[in-house]
Amino acid sequence: MIISMSETTTIPIKKTTRDDLKKLGRKGETYDTILRKLIMLAEKEGFFREHKRILEEEEFFPLDEI
C-alpha cells in the first residue's frame, strides 16, 4: 500500500518506543503497518474480553424455555 504525503502525519514518540515498534515488524513493513496490526489485535482482545464478561456475568436460559 502506497501512502501519499498528504495522508501521513508525524507522531512524537520516544526513541525506545520506536525501537520496540521496529522489533515487532518484519523486514519491509512500515510503522503504519505495524501500528495497524497492533490496533487489530487490541480490538480482538477487547471483543474477547467483552464476551468473556458476558459469559461470566449474564444469565442464560435454554432456548426451549423461551
C-alpha atoms as a PDB file:
ATOM      1  CA  MET A   1       0.000   0.000   0.000  1.00  0.00           C
ATOM      2  CA  ILE A   2       1.386   3.358  -1.001  1.00  0.00           C
ATOM      3  CA  ILE A   3       0.582   6.291   1.277  1.00  0.00           C
ATOM      4  CA  SER A   4       0.741   9.791  -0.143  1.00  0.00           C
ATOM      5  CA  MET A   5       2.433  12.514   1.858  1.00  0.00           C
ATOM      6  CA  SER A   6      -0.913  14.286   2.352  1.00  0.00           C
ATOM      7  CA  GLU A   7      -2.262  11.237   4.190  1.00  0.00           C
ATOM      8  CA  THR A   8       0.597  10.956   6.666  1.00  0.00           C
ATOM      9  CA  THR A   9       1.294  12.621   9.975  1.00  0.00           C
ATOM     10  CA  THR A  10       4.113  12.805  12.463  1.00  0.00           C
ATOM     11  CA  ILE A  11       3.593  11.308  15.907  1.00  0.00           C
ATOM     12  CA  PRO A  12       6.187  12.210  18.520  1.00  0.00           C
ATOM     13  CA  ILE A  13       7.310   9.085  20.374  1.00  0.00           C
ATOM     14  CA  LYS A  14      10.360   8.163  22.398  1.00  0.00           C
ATOM     15  CA  LYS A  15      13.224   6.502  20.556  1.00  0.00           C
ATOM     16  CA  THR A  16      12.818   3.428  22.764  1.00  0.00           C
ATOM     17  CA  THR A  17       9.165   3.153  21.665  1.00  0.00           C
ATOM     18  CA  ARG A  18      10.209   3.469  18.028  1.00  0.00           C
ATOM     19  CA  ASP A  19      12.819   0.765  18.553  1.00  0.00           C
ATOM     20  CA  ASP A  20      10.230  -1.517  20.165  1.00  0.00           C
ATOM     21  CA  LEU A  21       7.899  -0.979  17.207  1.00  0.00           C
ATOM     22  CA  LYS A  22      10.740  -1.804  14.840  1.00  0.00           C
ATOM     23  CA  LYS A  23      11.275  -5.119  16.680  1.00  0.00           C
ATOM     24  CA  LEU A  24       7.608  -6.036  16.194  1.00  0.00           C
ATOM     25  CA  GLY A  25       7.751  -5.513  12.458  1.00  0.00           C
ATOM     26  CA  ARG A  26       9.103  -7.594   9.648  1.00  0.00           C
ATOM     27  CA  LYS A  27      11.569  -6.508   7.007  1.00  0.00           C
ATOM     28  CA  GLY A  28       9.940  -4.003   4.691  1.00  0.00           C
ATOM     29  CA  GLU A  29       6.957  -3.242   6.947  1.00  0.00           C
ATOM     30  CA  THR A  30       6.177   0.378   7.651  1.00  0.00           C
ATOM     31  CA  TYR A  31       5.411   1.736  11.095  1.00  0.00           C
ATOM     32  CA  ASP A  32       1.872   2.293   9.804  1.00  0.00           C
ATOM     33  CA  THR A  33       1.512  -1.422   9.029  1.00  0.00           C
ATOM     34  CA  ILE A  34       2.888  -2.416  12.434  1.00  0.00           C
ATOM     35  CA  LEU A  35       0.549   0.004  14.222  1.00  0.00           C
ATOM     36  CA  ARG A  36      -2.479  -1.213  12.193  1.00  0.00           C
ATOM     37  CA  LYS A  37      -1.696  -4.795  13.261  1.00  0.00           C
ATOM     38  CA  LEU A  38      -1.427  -3.728  16.907  1.00  0.00           C
ATOM     39  CA  ILE A  39      -4.771  -1.911  16.642  1.00  0.00           C
ATOM     40  CA  MET A  40      -6.417  -5.021  15.175  1.00  0.00           C
ATOM     41  CA  LEU A  41      -5.001  -7.152  17.994  1.00  0.00           C
ATOM     42  CA  ALA A  42      -6.270  -4.679  20.600  1.00  0.00           C
ATOM     43  CA  GLU A  43      -9.737  -4.707  19.024  1.00  0.00           C
ATOM     44  CA  LYS A  44      -9.832  -8.519  19.002  1.00  0.00           C
ATOM     45  CA  GLU A  45      -8.676  -8.642  22.615  1.00  0.00           C
ATOM     46  CA  GLY A  46     -11.438  -6.198  23.598  1.00  0.00           C
ATOM     47  CA  PHE A  47     -14.016  -8.303  21.731  1.00  0.00           C
ATOM     48  CA  PHE A  48     -12.982 -11.476  23.534  1.00  0.00           C
ATOM     49  CA  ARG A  49     -12.779  -9.708  26.902  1.00  0.00           C
ATOM     50  CA  GLU A  50     -16.354  -8.432  26.488  1.00  0.00           C
ATOM     51  CA  HIS A  51     -17.659 -11.869  25.509  1.00  0.00           C
ATOM     52  CA  LYS A  52     -15.898 -13.459  28.472  1.00  0.00           C
ATOM     53  CA  ARG A  53     -17.524 -10.870  30.742  1.00  0.00           C
ATOM     54  CA  ILE A  54     -20.947 -11.652  29.259  1.00  0.00           C
ATOM     55  CA  LEU A  55     -20.456 -15.385  29.783  1.00  0.00           C
ATOM     56  CA  GLU A  56     -19.338 -14.850  33.379  1.00  0.00           C
ATOM     57  CA  GLU A  57     -21.873 -12.203  34.433  1.00  0.00           C
ATOM     58  CA  GLU A  58     -25.016 -12.628  32.345  1.00  0.00           C
ATOM     59  CA  GLU A  59     -27.791 -15.111  32.910  1.00  0.00           C
ATOM     60  CA  PHE A  60     -28.679 -17.521  30.127  1.00  0.00           C
ATOM     61  CA  PHE A  61     -31.792 -19.615  29.539  1.00  0.00           C
ATOM     62  CA  PRO A  62     -32.215 -22.652  27.292  1.00  0.00           C
ATOM     63  CA  LEU A  63     -33.916 -21.706  24.022  1.00  0.00           C
ATOM     64  CA  ASP A  64     -36.723 -24.217  24.572  1.00  0.00           C
ATOM     65  CA  GLU A  65     -37.677 -22.335  27.764  1.00  0.00           C
ATOM     66  CA  ILE A  66     -38.166 -19.017  26.000  1.00  0.00           C
END
